[in-house]
Amino acid sequence: MLRHVGRRLATALPSLIGVIITAFLLTRVLPGDPAAYFAGPAATEQAIAEIRTQLGLDRPVHEQFIAYVDDLAHGDLGTSLTTGQPVTRDIIARLPASAELTLTGLLAAVLIAVPLGIAAAVRQGSWIDHLSRILATSGVSLPVFFTGLLLVYVFYYQTGIAPAPLGRLDIFFSPPPQVTGFYLIDSLIAGDIETFRSAAAQIFLPATTLAIFSLAPIARMTRASMLSVLASDFVRTARANGLSTWRVIVVYAFRNAMLPVITTLGMVFSFLLGANVLVEKVFAWPGIGSYAVEALIASDFAPVQGFVLAMAALYVLLNLLIDLAYGVIDPRVQMEG
């Protein structure tokens, strides 16, 4: 197992190196001058030049890159000019908010899309199959930011069912004692039901937005994979032996259809990490997506580079977990690997 994990991490190392180089170069070619931004509109050319020298932006690009890599080797992602804090500290503080939102949205999508895909495959051509197609088409057709704004308009502005989309908690509540960084879990650990309700109410709309965005690929892959497995010989044999429909579908068919679904979940999670940037801005969610956007507007290089590197590391970790899940679901995959 450890050898397998080490081999996977070794293959991901070139990708991380490529991400570091690409993120560094892209931040240098983007329009905008951080020295001019932070000097202010009334600053003189001399003042801007002094700030540029202090930031090291007057040095050749290759020297800046060498200094950046050296800082990375020492665990230093730089300092954010907008917050005045180390980027590592900012990311650690904001990452739980993004992770909680993404995982909640993905969990909601799975709880809806997987049963829907199974039912659509079992009852092919029925009304539930057509409903699955309609939901899938709607989910991929609506831009994620438009879905978020539409939900805010309906559930907050028109009906008042949802609270104001302003962060992770209502202004009258304080964050629970931090254990995991997830307000839903930490409030339950603390036994604070009122804070849990507030956190659940705040996360409902943004998580629903992400769930709608990710419903389509999960439901369609579940349906397609189940259709393929249901047509297999071992499923027909199980039915011929008199096994119940529930046992045939859940124990035999779905277990063998899970590998493509797990792969799709990994892809959807990576898509949600990108969609998080827009959703966090719509709902004023204090995650690393909004943090990166604010830094990008201010031409603040270090947070943008730290955000890209953090997303790449999460993607590598996700792929590793998917590989390990393959071995748990189907031991033959691990043996062949």
Protein backbone atom coordinates (compact mmCIF):
# COMPACT_ATOMS: atom_id res chain seq x y z
CA MET A 1 0.00 0.00 0.00
CA LEU A 2 2.73 2.48 0.98
CA ARG A 3 4.67 1.62 -2.17
CA HIS A 4 1.57 2.24 -4.25
CA VAL A 5 1.01 5.63 -2.59
CA GLY A 6 4.66 6.58 -3.05
CA ARG A 7 4.56 5.64 -6.72
CA ARG A 8 1.44 7.74 -7.29
CA LEU A 9 2.96 10.74 -5.54
CA ALA A 10 6.14 10.38 -7.58
CA THR A 11 4.17 10.47 -10.84
CA ALA A 12 2.36 13.61 -9.64
CA LEU A 13 5.59 15.49 -8.90
CA PRO A 14 6.21 16.63 -12.53
CA SER A 15 2.64 17.95 -12.66
CA LEU A 16 3.19 20.03 -9.52
CA ILE A 17 6.44 21.39 -10.94
CA GLY A 18 4.61 22.37 -14.13
CA VAL A 19 1.89 24.08 -12.08
CA ILE A 20 4.48 26.08 -10.14
CA ILE A 21 6.20 27.28 -13.33
CA THR A 22 2.94 28.06 -15.12
CA ALA A 23 1.41 29.94 -12.18
CA PHE A 24 4.55 32.01 -11.73
CA LEU A 25 4.82 32.97 -15.39
CA LEU A 26 1.11 33.73 -15.80
CA THR A 27 1.07 36.13 -12.88
CA ARG A 28 3.96 38.01 -14.49
CA VAL A 29 2.29 38.43 -17.86
CA LEU A 30 -1.11 39.47 -16.51
CA PRO A 31 -1.94 43.19 -16.92
CA GLY A 32 -1.54 45.35 -13.86
CA ASP A 33 1.29 46.56 -11.66
CA PRO A 34 1.08 45.69 -7.96
CA ALA A 35 3.51 48.49 -7.13
CA ALA A 36 1.29 51.10 -8.85
CA TYR A 37 -1.83 49.60 -7.25
CA PHE A 38 -0.52 49.80 -3.72
CA ALA A 39 1.21 53.15 -4.20
CA GLY A 40 -2.14 54.72 -4.98
CA PRO A 41 -3.38 56.91 -7.83
CA ALA A 42 -1.57 60.01 -6.51
CA ALA A 43 1.85 58.34 -6.25
CA THR A 44 4.79 59.62 -8.26
CA GLU A 45 6.88 57.48 -10.57
CA GLN A 46 9.71 57.57 -8.04
CA ALA A 47 7.43 56.24 -5.27
CA ILE A 48 6.18 53.45 -7.53
CA ALA A 49 9.75 52.55 -8.48
CA GLU A 50 10.75 52.37 -4.80
CA ILE A 51 7.83 50.04 -4.01
CA ARG A 52 8.70 47.89 -7.03
CA THR A 53 12.26 47.61 -5.73
CA GLN A 54 11.05 46.66 -2.25
CA LEU A 55 8.86 43.93 -3.74
CA GLY A 56 11.71 42.65 -5.90
CA LEU A 57 9.74 43.22 -9.09
CA ASP A 58 12.58 45.17 -10.69
CA ARG A 59 14.74 42.04 -10.80
CA PRO A 60 14.91 39.77 -13.88
CA VAL A 61 12.15 37.17 -14.08
CA HIS A 62 14.52 34.22 -13.67
CA GLU A 63 15.92 35.71 -10.46
CA GLN A 64 12.40 36.23 -9.14
CA PHE A 65 11.58 32.61 -9.97
CA ILE A 66 14.68 31.28 -8.22
CA ALA A 67 13.81 33.29 -5.12
CA TYR A 68 10.22 32.00 -5.29
CA VAL A 69 11.31 28.37 -5.54
CA ASP A 70 13.74 28.86 -2.68
CA ASP A 71 10.93 30.23 -0.53
CA LEU A 72 8.73 27.27 -1.51
CA ALA A 73 11.45 24.86 -0.46
CA HIS A 74 11.31 26.45 2.99
CA GLY A 75 7.49 26.28 3.14
CA ASP A 76 7.03 29.99 2.48
CA LEU A 77 4.35 30.94 -0.06
CA GLY A 78 5.08 34.63 0.37
CA THR A 79 3.14 37.45 1.98
CA SER A 80 -0.14 38.86 0.73
CA LEU A 81 0.04 42.58 0.04
CA THR A 82 -3.72 42.97 0.45
CA THR A 83 -4.01 41.32 3.88
CA GLY A 84 -0.46 41.79 5.15
CA GLN A 85 -0.47 38.15 6.32
CA PRO A 86 1.59 35.17 5.12
CA VAL A 87 -0.22 33.42 2.27
CA THR A 88 0.11 30.07 4.06
CA ARG A 89 -1.77 31.44 7.06
CA ASP A 90 -4.49 32.96 4.86
CA ILE A 91 -4.99 29.72 2.93
CA ILE A 92 -5.12 27.60 6.10
CA ALA A 93 -7.69 30.00 7.57
CA ARG A 94 -9.89 30.05 4.45
CA LEU A 95 -9.50 26.50 3.12
CA PRO A 96 -12.01 24.89 5.56
CA ALA A 97 -14.74 27.26 4.33
CA SER A 98 -14.14 26.27 0.70
CA ALA A 99 -13.80 22.58 1.55
CA GLU A 100 -17.01 22.56 3.59
CA LEU A 101 -18.94 24.25 0.79
CA THR A 102 -17.54 21.99 -1.93
CA LEU A 103 -18.02 18.75 0.00
CA THR A 104 -21.55 19.71 1.06
CA GLY A 105 -22.51 20.50 -2.52
CA LEU A 106 -20.93 17.28 -3.79
CA LEU A 107 -22.63 15.20 -1.08
CA ALA A 108 -26.02 16.70 -1.92
CA ALA A 109 -25.45 16.00 -5.62
CA VAL A 110 -24.46 12.38 -4.92
CA LEU A 111 -27.48 11.75 -2.70
CA ILE A 112 -29.76 12.94 -5.52
CA ALA A 113 -27.92 11.97 -8.70
CA VAL A 114 -26.89 8.39 -7.85
CA PRO A 115 -30.39 7.12 -6.89
CA LEU A 116 -31.80 9.07 -9.84
CA GLY A 117 -29.30 7.49 -12.23
CA ILE A 118 -30.00 4.00 -10.87
CA ALA A 119 -33.77 4.47 -11.18
CA ALA A 120 -33.38 5.85 -14.71
CA ALA A 121 -31.34 2.79 -15.72
CA VAL A 122 -33.70 0.28 -14.10
CA ARG A 123 -36.76 1.96 -15.63
CA GLN A 124 -35.32 2.94 -18.98
CA GLY A 125 -37.72 5.02 -21.06
CA SER A 126 -40.05 5.79 -18.13
CA TRP A 127 -40.98 9.20 -16.73
CA ILE A 128 -38.14 9.05 -14.21
CA ASP A 129 -35.67 8.44 -17.04
CA HIS A 130 -36.97 11.51 -18.85
CA LEU A 131 -36.85 13.50 -15.60
CA SER A 132 -33.22 12.52 -15.16
CA ARG A 133 -32.39 13.77 -18.65
CA ILE A 134 -34.21 17.06 -18.08
CA LEU A 135 -32.38 17.68 -14.79
CA ALA A 136 -29.05 16.75 -16.35
CA THR A 137 -29.60 19.08 -19.30
CA SER A 138 -30.70 21.93 -17.04
CA GLY A 139 -27.75 21.46 -14.73
CA VAL A 140 -25.14 21.76 -17.47
CA SER A 141 -26.96 24.53 -19.36
CA LEU A 142 -27.16 27.09 -16.55
CA PRO A 143 -23.94 28.97 -15.66
CA VAL A 144 -23.10 28.44 -12.02
CA PHE A 145 -23.12 32.14 -11.15
CA PHE A 146 -26.54 32.58 -12.81
CA THR A 147 -27.93 29.64 -10.82
CA GLY A 148 -26.63 31.20 -7.61
CA LEU A 149 -28.14 34.61 -8.39
CA LEU A 150 -31.44 32.98 -9.35
CA LEU A 151 -31.61 31.06 -6.08
CA VAL A 152 -30.81 34.23 -4.11
CA TYR A 153 -33.55 36.11 -5.96
CA VAL A 154 -36.19 33.42 -5.37
CA PHE A 155 -35.37 32.14 -1.88
CA TYR A 156 -34.05 35.32 -0.27
CA TYR A 157 -35.41 38.34 -2.10
CA GLN A 158 -38.84 37.05 -3.13
CA THR A 159 -39.83 34.53 -0.44
CA GLY A 160 -37.45 35.31 2.43
CA ILE A 161 -36.99 31.60 3.14
CA ALA A 162 -33.20 31.74 3.07
CA PRO A 163 -31.05 34.18 5.08
CA ALA A 164 -29.02 36.94 3.50
CA PRO A 165 -26.16 35.49 1.43
CA LEU A 166 -23.45 37.09 3.53
CA GLY A 167 -20.92 34.57 4.74
CA ARG A 168 -20.92 31.37 6.75
CA LEU A 169 -22.94 32.51 9.78
CA ASP A 170 -25.62 35.02 10.64
CA ILE A 171 -24.19 38.21 12.15
CA PHE A 172 -25.79 37.39 15.52
CA PHE A 173 -23.82 34.14 15.90
CA SER A 174 -20.17 33.51 16.72
CA PRO A 175 -18.12 30.73 15.11
CA PRO A 176 -18.04 27.50 17.14
CA PRO A 177 -14.77 26.37 18.79
CA GLN A 178 -12.56 25.21 15.92
CA VAL A 179 -11.92 21.49 15.69
CA THR A 180 -12.22 20.66 11.99
CA GLY A 181 -12.85 24.16 10.62
CA PHE A 182 -16.24 22.98 9.29
CA TYR A 183 -18.93 25.00 11.08
CA LEU A 184 -21.54 22.27 10.63
CA ILE A 185 -19.36 19.65 12.31
CA ASP A 186 -17.78 21.93 14.93
CA SER A 187 -21.15 23.24 16.08
CA LEU A 188 -22.42 19.68 16.55
CA ILE A 189 -19.27 18.74 18.47
CA ALA A 190 -19.84 21.76 20.72
CA GLY A 191 -23.50 20.84 21.11
CA ASP A 192 -24.57 24.25 19.82
CA ILE A 193 -27.73 23.48 17.84
CA GLU A 194 -28.59 27.12 17.15
CA THR A 195 -25.20 27.76 15.53
CA PHE A 196 -25.61 24.55 13.54
CA ARG A 197 -28.97 25.75 12.24
CA SER A 198 -27.49 29.10 11.29
CA ALA A 199 -24.55 27.47 9.50
CA ALA A 200 -26.88 25.05 7.70
CA ALA A 201 -29.16 27.89 6.60
CA GLN A 202 -26.21 29.92 5.27
CA ILE A 203 -24.67 27.03 3.36
CA PHE A 204 -27.95 25.81 1.87
CA LEU A 205 -28.10 28.09 -1.18
CA PRO A 206 -24.41 28.01 -2.21
CA ALA A 207 -24.27 24.22 -1.70
CA THR A 208 -27.47 23.83 -3.74
CA THR A 209 -25.89 25.91 -6.50
CA LEU A 210 -22.90 23.58 -6.64
CA ALA A 211 -25.14 20.51 -6.40
CA ILE A 212 -27.20 21.61 -9.42
CA PHE A 213 -23.98 22.24 -11.32
CA SER A 214 -22.66 18.72 -10.57
CA LEU A 215 -25.90 16.72 -10.85
CA ALA A 216 -25.69 16.15 -14.58
CA PRO A 217 -22.39 14.26 -14.99
CA ILE A 218 -22.98 12.08 -11.92
CA ALA A 219 -26.54 11.11 -12.89
CA ARG A 220 -25.63 10.45 -16.53
CA MET A 221 -22.57 8.38 -15.68
CA THR A 222 -24.51 6.37 -13.08
CA ARG A 223 -27.25 5.66 -15.61
CA ALA A 224 -24.84 4.68 -18.38
CA SER A 225 -22.73 2.48 -16.10
CA MET A 226 -25.79 0.77 -14.64
CA LEU A 227 -27.24 0.08 -18.09
CA SER A 228 -23.99 -1.59 -19.10
CA VAL A 229 -23.85 -3.75 -15.97
CA LEU A 230 -27.56 -4.69 -16.04
CA ALA A 231 -27.01 -6.19 -19.49
CA SER A 232 -24.20 -8.44 -18.20
CA ASP A 233 -24.44 -12.21 -17.95
CA PHE A 234 -23.87 -12.36 -14.19
CA VAL A 235 -26.86 -10.07 -13.58
CA ARG A 236 -29.12 -12.25 -15.70
CA THR A 237 -27.81 -15.29 -13.83
CA ALA A 238 -28.54 -13.66 -10.48
CA ARG A 239 -32.08 -12.91 -11.55
CA ALA A 240 -32.53 -16.45 -12.90
CA ASN A 241 -31.48 -17.82 -9.49
CA GLY A 242 -34.43 -16.05 -7.90
CA LEU A 243 -32.60 -13.25 -6.09
CA SER A 244 -34.68 -10.23 -5.19
CA THR A 245 -34.63 -7.21 -7.48
CA TRP A 246 -33.22 -5.03 -4.70
CA ARG A 247 -30.33 -7.44 -4.08
CA VAL A 248 -29.54 -7.75 -7.77
CA ILE A 249 -29.51 -4.00 -8.33
CA VAL A 250 -27.70 -2.85 -5.18
CA VAL A 251 -25.37 -5.74 -4.30
CA TYR A 252 -24.44 -7.03 -7.75
CA ALA A 253 -25.14 -4.35 -10.36
CA PHE A 254 -24.34 -1.10 -8.55
CA ARG A 255 -21.14 -2.39 -6.94
CA ASN A 256 -19.78 -3.30 -10.36
CA ALA A 257 -20.94 0.03 -11.78
CA MET A 258 -19.23 2.11 -9.08
CA LEU A 259 -15.77 2.48 -10.66
CA PRO A 260 -16.86 4.84 -13.48
CA VAL A 261 -19.03 6.73 -10.99
CA ILE A 262 -16.09 7.18 -8.59
CA THR A 263 -13.98 8.48 -11.49
CA THR A 264 -16.73 10.95 -12.37
CA LEU A 265 -16.92 12.09 -8.75
CA GLY A 266 -13.23 12.93 -8.86
CA MET A 267 -13.67 14.95 -12.04
CA VAL A 268 -16.74 16.72 -10.66
CA PHE A 269 -14.90 17.61 -7.45
CA SER A 270 -12.12 19.23 -9.46
CA PHE A 271 -14.74 21.17 -11.47
CA LEU A 272 -16.37 22.31 -8.23
CA LEU A 273 -13.06 23.68 -6.98
CA GLY A 274 -13.09 26.01 -9.98
CA ALA A 275 -16.81 26.80 -9.71
CA ASN A 276 -16.26 27.68 -6.06
CA VAL A 277 -14.56 30.90 -7.13
CA LEU A 278 -17.77 32.27 -8.66
CA VAL A 279 -20.09 30.86 -6.01
CA GLU A 280 -18.04 32.35 -3.20
CA LYS A 281 -18.23 35.79 -4.79
CA VAL A 282 -21.99 35.53 -5.28
CA PHE A 283 -22.63 34.47 -1.68
CA ALA A 284 -19.80 36.45 -0.01
CA TRP A 285 -18.36 33.16 1.17
CA PRO A 286 -14.95 33.68 2.88
CA GLY A 287 -13.10 30.88 1.10
CA ILE A 288 -9.89 30.72 -0.87
CA GLY A 289 -11.74 31.30 -4.14
CA SER A 290 -12.85 34.81 -3.19
CA TYR A 291 -9.42 35.34 -1.64
CA ALA A 292 -7.75 34.54 -4.97
CA VAL A 293 -10.12 36.79 -6.94
CA GLU A 294 -9.48 39.75 -4.64
CA ALA A 295 -5.73 39.16 -4.94
CA LEU A 296 -5.98 38.90 -8.73
CA ILE A 297 -7.83 42.21 -8.97
CA ALA A 298 -5.10 43.84 -6.88
CA SER A 299 -2.33 42.18 -8.95
CA ASP A 300 -1.15 40.53 -5.73
CA PHE A 301 0.99 37.69 -7.06
CA ALA A 302 1.70 35.61 -3.96
CA PRO A 303 -1.93 34.71 -3.04
CA VAL A 304 -2.76 33.80 -6.64
CA GLN A 305 0.27 31.52 -6.88
CA GLY A 306 -0.55 30.01 -3.48
CA PHE A 307 -4.16 29.40 -4.55
CA VAL A 308 -3.14 27.63 -7.76
CA LEU A 309 -0.59 25.50 -5.91
CA ALA A 310 -3.14 24.60 -3.21
CA MET A 311 -5.69 23.56 -5.84
CA ALA A 312 -3.09 21.44 -7.60
CA ALA A 313 -2.14 19.73 -4.33
CA LEU A 314 -5.82 19.04 -3.57
CA TYR A 315 -6.28 17.57 -7.05
CA VAL A 316 -3.28 15.28 -6.59
CA LEU A 317 -4.59 14.18 -3.20
CA LEU A 318 -8.03 13.56 -4.70
CA ASN A 319 -6.61 11.36 -7.45
CA LEU A 320 -4.68 9.39 -4.83
CA LEU A 321 -7.85 8.82 -2.81
CA ILE A 322 -9.67 7.70 -5.95
CA ASP A 323 -6.92 5.17 -6.71
CA LEU A 324 -7.18 3.82 -3.17
CA ALA A 325 -10.97 3.66 -3.48
CA TYR A 326 -10.57 1.56 -6.63
CA GLY A 327 -8.66 -1.02 -4.63
CA VAL A 328 -11.32 -1.10 -1.91
CA ILE A 329 -14.24 -1.45 -4.35
CA ASP A 330 -12.52 -3.91 -6.68
CA PRO A 331 -9.37 -5.64 -5.29
CA ARG A 332 -8.48 -6.78 -8.82
CA VAL A 333 -7.60 -3.19 -9.73
CA GLN A 334 -5.00 -3.03 -6.96
CA MET A 335 -3.59 -6.39 -7.92
CA GLU A 336 -3.25 -5.36 -11.56
CA GLY A 337 -1.64 -2.05 -10.48
